[in-house]
Structure formats: structure tokens, C-alpha cells
């Protein structure tokens, strides 16, 4: 997709966001709090330069998992 390298945690988060999971659902599955996931989501989307659900889905499809 780009030269940007994502950590395994970021890839996991991106996949779950693309699947429509909420911060609370993601936190319950991977650990942490909904607030922590929200902060991670904001950082990740900022790094990727995306903001909409459609862009999240497109980004997730573009990464090799």
C-alpha cells in the first residue's frame, strides 16, 4: 500500500475497525480499555491519513496480513 510499516498491533486494530467493531468490542478482544483503543485508533488513522469507514476498509484491503 505504501512505505508505511504497521506493527502487528496496528494491523490487528485496522482489521477489526474494518470489520466494524467498536472500541469497546476491540478492547474486550485484544485487551486494554475502550479509551486506549480509541487513542490507538486516532493515532493509526492519523498515520494513514484516513477518517471514514470506507477509507478504513480500503486501507485494510491494501495491507498484507
N, C-alpha and C. Protein backbone atom coordinates (compact mmCIF):
# COMPACT_ATOMS: atom_id res chain seq x y z
N UNK A 1 0.83 -1.19 0.00
CA UNK A 1 0.00 0.00 0.00
C UNK A 1 0.87 1.25 0.00
N UNK A 2 1.81 1.32 0.93
CA UNK A 2 2.73 2.44 0.96
C UNK A 2 4.00 1.99 1.65
N UNK A 3 4.90 2.93 1.84
CA UNK A 3 6.14 2.62 2.53
C UNK A 3 5.96 2.60 4.04
N UNK A 4 4.79 2.94 4.52
CA UNK A 4 4.49 2.97 5.94
C UNK A 4 4.46 1.54 6.47
N UNK A 5 5.15 1.31 7.57
CA UNK A 5 5.17 -0.01 8.19
C UNK A 5 4.27 0.00 9.41
N UNK A 6 3.36 -0.95 9.46
CA UNK A 6 2.47 -1.07 10.60
C UNK A 6 2.93 -2.20 11.50
N UNK A 7 2.79 -1.99 12.80
CA UNK A 7 3.09 -3.05 13.76
C UNK A 7 1.98 -4.10 13.68
N UNK A 8 2.22 -5.25 14.28
CA UNK A 8 1.19 -6.29 14.27
C UNK A 8 -0.05 -5.80 15.02
N UNK A 9 0.14 -5.03 16.08
CA UNK A 9 -1.00 -4.48 16.83
C UNK A 9 -1.80 -3.52 15.95
N UNK A 10 -1.12 -2.68 15.18
CA UNK A 10 -1.81 -1.74 14.30
C UNK A 10 -2.57 -2.48 13.21
N UNK A 11 -1.99 -3.53 12.67
CA UNK A 11 -2.68 -4.33 11.65
C UNK A 11 -3.92 -4.99 12.24
N UNK A 12 -3.77 -5.50 13.46
CA UNK A 12 -4.90 -6.13 14.15
C UNK A 12 -6.01 -5.11 14.37
N UNK A 13 -5.64 -3.93 14.81
CA UNK A 13 -6.62 -2.88 15.04
C UNK A 13 -7.30 -2.48 13.73
N UNK A 14 -6.54 -2.32 12.68
CA UNK A 14 -7.09 -1.95 11.38
C UNK A 14 -8.08 -2.99 10.88
N UNK A 15 -7.74 -4.26 11.01
CA UNK A 15 -8.65 -5.34 10.60
C UNK A 15 -9.97 -5.26 11.37
N UNK A 16 -9.88 -5.07 12.66
CA UNK A 16 -11.09 -5.03 13.49
C UNK A 16 -11.93 -3.79 13.21
N UNK A 17 -11.27 -2.67 12.97
CA UNK A 17 -12.00 -1.46 12.60
C UNK A 17 -12.72 -1.65 11.27
N UNK A 18 -12.04 -2.28 10.32
CA UNK A 18 -12.65 -2.53 9.01
C UNK A 18 -13.85 -3.47 9.13
N UNK A 19 -13.81 -4.34 10.13
CA UNK A 19 -14.92 -5.27 10.36
C UNK A 19 -16.07 -4.59 11.10
N UNK A 20 -15.90 -3.31 11.44
CA UNK A 20 -16.99 -2.57 12.08
C UNK A 20 -17.06 -2.72 13.59
N UNK A 21 -16.01 -3.24 14.20
CA UNK A 21 -16.01 -3.42 15.65
C UNK A 21 -15.88 -2.08 16.36
N UNK A 22 -16.51 -1.98 17.51
CA UNK A 22 -16.41 -0.76 18.31
C UNK A 22 -15.15 -0.81 19.16
N UNK A 23 -14.77 0.34 19.71
CA UNK A 23 -13.60 0.39 20.59
C UNK A 23 -13.78 -0.56 21.77
N UNK A 24 -14.97 -0.61 22.31
CA UNK A 24 -15.25 -1.49 23.45
C UNK A 24 -15.11 -2.96 23.06
N UNK A 25 -15.62 -3.32 21.89
CA UNK A 25 -15.51 -4.71 21.43
C UNK A 25 -14.05 -5.09 21.17
N UNK A 26 -13.31 -4.18 20.59
CA UNK A 26 -11.90 -4.44 20.31
C UNK A 26 -11.13 -4.59 21.62
N UNK A 27 -11.38 -3.72 22.58
CA UNK A 27 -10.71 -3.78 23.87
C UNK A 27 -10.99 -5.10 24.58
N UNK A 28 -12.23 -5.56 24.51
CA UNK A 28 -12.59 -6.83 25.15
C UNK A 28 -11.85 -7.99 24.51
N UNK A 29 -11.61 -7.90 23.23
CA UNK A 29 -10.97 -9.00 22.49
C UNK A 29 -9.45 -9.00 22.61
N UNK A 30 -8.84 -7.82 22.50
CA UNK A 30 -7.37 -7.77 22.46
C UNK A 30 -6.74 -7.24 23.73
N UNK A 31 -7.56 -6.73 24.66
CA UNK A 31 -7.03 -6.21 25.91
C UNK A 31 -6.98 -4.69 25.90
N UNK A 32 -6.93 -4.14 27.09
CA UNK A 32 -6.94 -2.69 27.22
C UNK A 32 -8.33 -2.17 27.46
N UNK A 33 -8.43 -0.87 27.46
CA UNK A 33 -9.72 -0.22 27.68
C UNK A 33 -10.22 0.39 26.38
N UNK A 34 -11.49 0.71 26.36
CA UNK A 34 -12.06 1.36 25.17
C UNK A 34 -11.36 2.69 24.92
N UNK A 35 -10.98 3.39 25.98
CA UNK A 35 -10.28 4.68 25.83
C UNK A 35 -8.91 4.47 25.18
N UNK A 36 -8.19 3.44 25.59
CA UNK A 36 -6.89 3.15 24.99
C UNK A 36 -7.04 2.81 23.51
N UNK A 37 -8.05 2.01 23.19
CA UNK A 37 -8.29 1.64 21.80
C UNK A 37 -8.65 2.88 20.99
N UNK A 38 -9.46 3.76 21.57
CA UNK A 38 -9.83 5.00 20.89
C UNK A 38 -8.59 5.83 20.57
N UNK A 39 -7.68 5.93 21.51
CA UNK A 39 -6.45 6.68 21.29
C UNK A 39 -5.57 6.02 20.23
N UNK A 40 -5.48 4.70 20.28
CA UNK A 40 -4.70 3.96 19.28
C UNK A 40 -5.31 4.13 17.89
N UNK A 41 -6.66 4.07 17.84
CA UNK A 41 -7.36 4.25 16.57
C UNK A 41 -7.07 5.62 15.98
N UNK A 42 -7.16 6.65 16.82
CA UNK A 42 -6.91 8.01 16.34
C UNK A 42 -5.48 8.16 15.81
N UNK A 43 -4.51 7.60 16.51
CA UNK A 43 -3.12 7.67 16.05
C UNK A 43 -2.94 6.93 14.73
N UNK A 44 -3.52 5.73 14.65
CA UNK A 44 -3.39 4.91 13.44
C UNK A 44 -4.03 5.60 12.24
N UNK A 45 -5.24 6.07 12.39
CA UNK A 45 -5.92 6.73 11.28
C UNK A 45 -5.19 7.99 10.87
N UNK A 46 -4.63 8.70 11.84
CA UNK A 46 -3.83 9.87 11.53
C UNK A 46 -2.58 9.52 10.72
N UNK A 47 -1.91 8.45 11.12
CA UNK A 47 -0.73 7.99 10.39
C UNK A 47 -1.07 7.61 8.96
N UNK A 48 -2.24 7.00 8.80
CA UNK A 48 -2.66 6.55 7.47
C UNK A 48 -3.32 7.67 6.67
N UNK A 49 -3.66 8.75 7.33
CA UNK A 49 -4.30 9.88 6.64
C UNK A 49 -5.71 9.57 6.19
N UNK A 50 -6.43 8.80 7.01
CA UNK A 50 -7.80 8.42 6.66
C UNK A 50 -8.74 8.79 7.80
N UNK A 51 -10.05 8.85 7.47
CA UNK A 51 -11.00 9.20 8.52
C UNK A 51 -12.35 8.50 8.39
N UNK A 52 -12.72 8.05 7.22
CA UNK A 52 -14.04 7.45 7.05
C UNK A 52 -13.98 5.93 7.11
N UNK A 53 -15.13 5.33 7.37
CA UNK A 53 -15.22 3.87 7.43
C UNK A 53 -14.82 3.25 6.09
N UNK A 54 -15.21 3.88 5.00
CA UNK A 54 -14.85 3.36 3.67
C UNK A 54 -13.34 3.39 3.47
N UNK A 55 -12.69 4.45 3.94
CA UNK A 55 -11.23 4.53 3.82
C UNK A 55 -10.55 3.48 4.69
N UNK A 56 -11.13 3.21 5.86
CA UNK A 56 -10.59 2.16 6.75
C UNK A 56 -10.66 0.81 6.03
N UNK A 57 -11.81 0.52 5.42
CA UNK A 57 -11.96 -0.74 4.69
C UNK A 57 -10.98 -0.84 3.53
N UNK A 58 -10.83 0.24 2.79
CA UNK A 58 -9.88 0.25 1.67
C UNK A 58 -8.45 0.03 2.17
N UNK A 59 -8.10 0.70 3.27
CA UNK A 59 -6.75 0.56 3.84
C UNK A 59 -6.51 -0.87 4.29
N UNK A 60 -7.50 -1.46 4.94
CA UNK A 60 -7.36 -2.84 5.42
C UNK A 60 -7.19 -3.80 4.26
N UNK A 61 -7.87 -3.55 3.16
CA UNK A 61 -7.73 -4.41 1.98
C UNK A 61 -6.38 -4.25 1.32
N UNK A 62 -5.74 -3.10 1.51
CA UNK A 62 -4.46 -2.84 0.88
C UNK A 62 -3.25 -3.39 1.61
N UNK A 63 -3.44 -3.79 2.87
CA UNK A 63 -2.31 -4.31 3.65
C UNK A 63 -2.25 -5.82 3.57
N UNK A 64 -1.04 -6.32 3.55
CA UNK A 64 -0.84 -7.78 3.57
C UNK A 64 -0.87 -8.25 5.01
N UNK A 65 -1.86 -9.05 5.36
CA UNK A 65 -1.97 -9.56 6.72
C UNK A 65 -1.49 -10.95 6.70
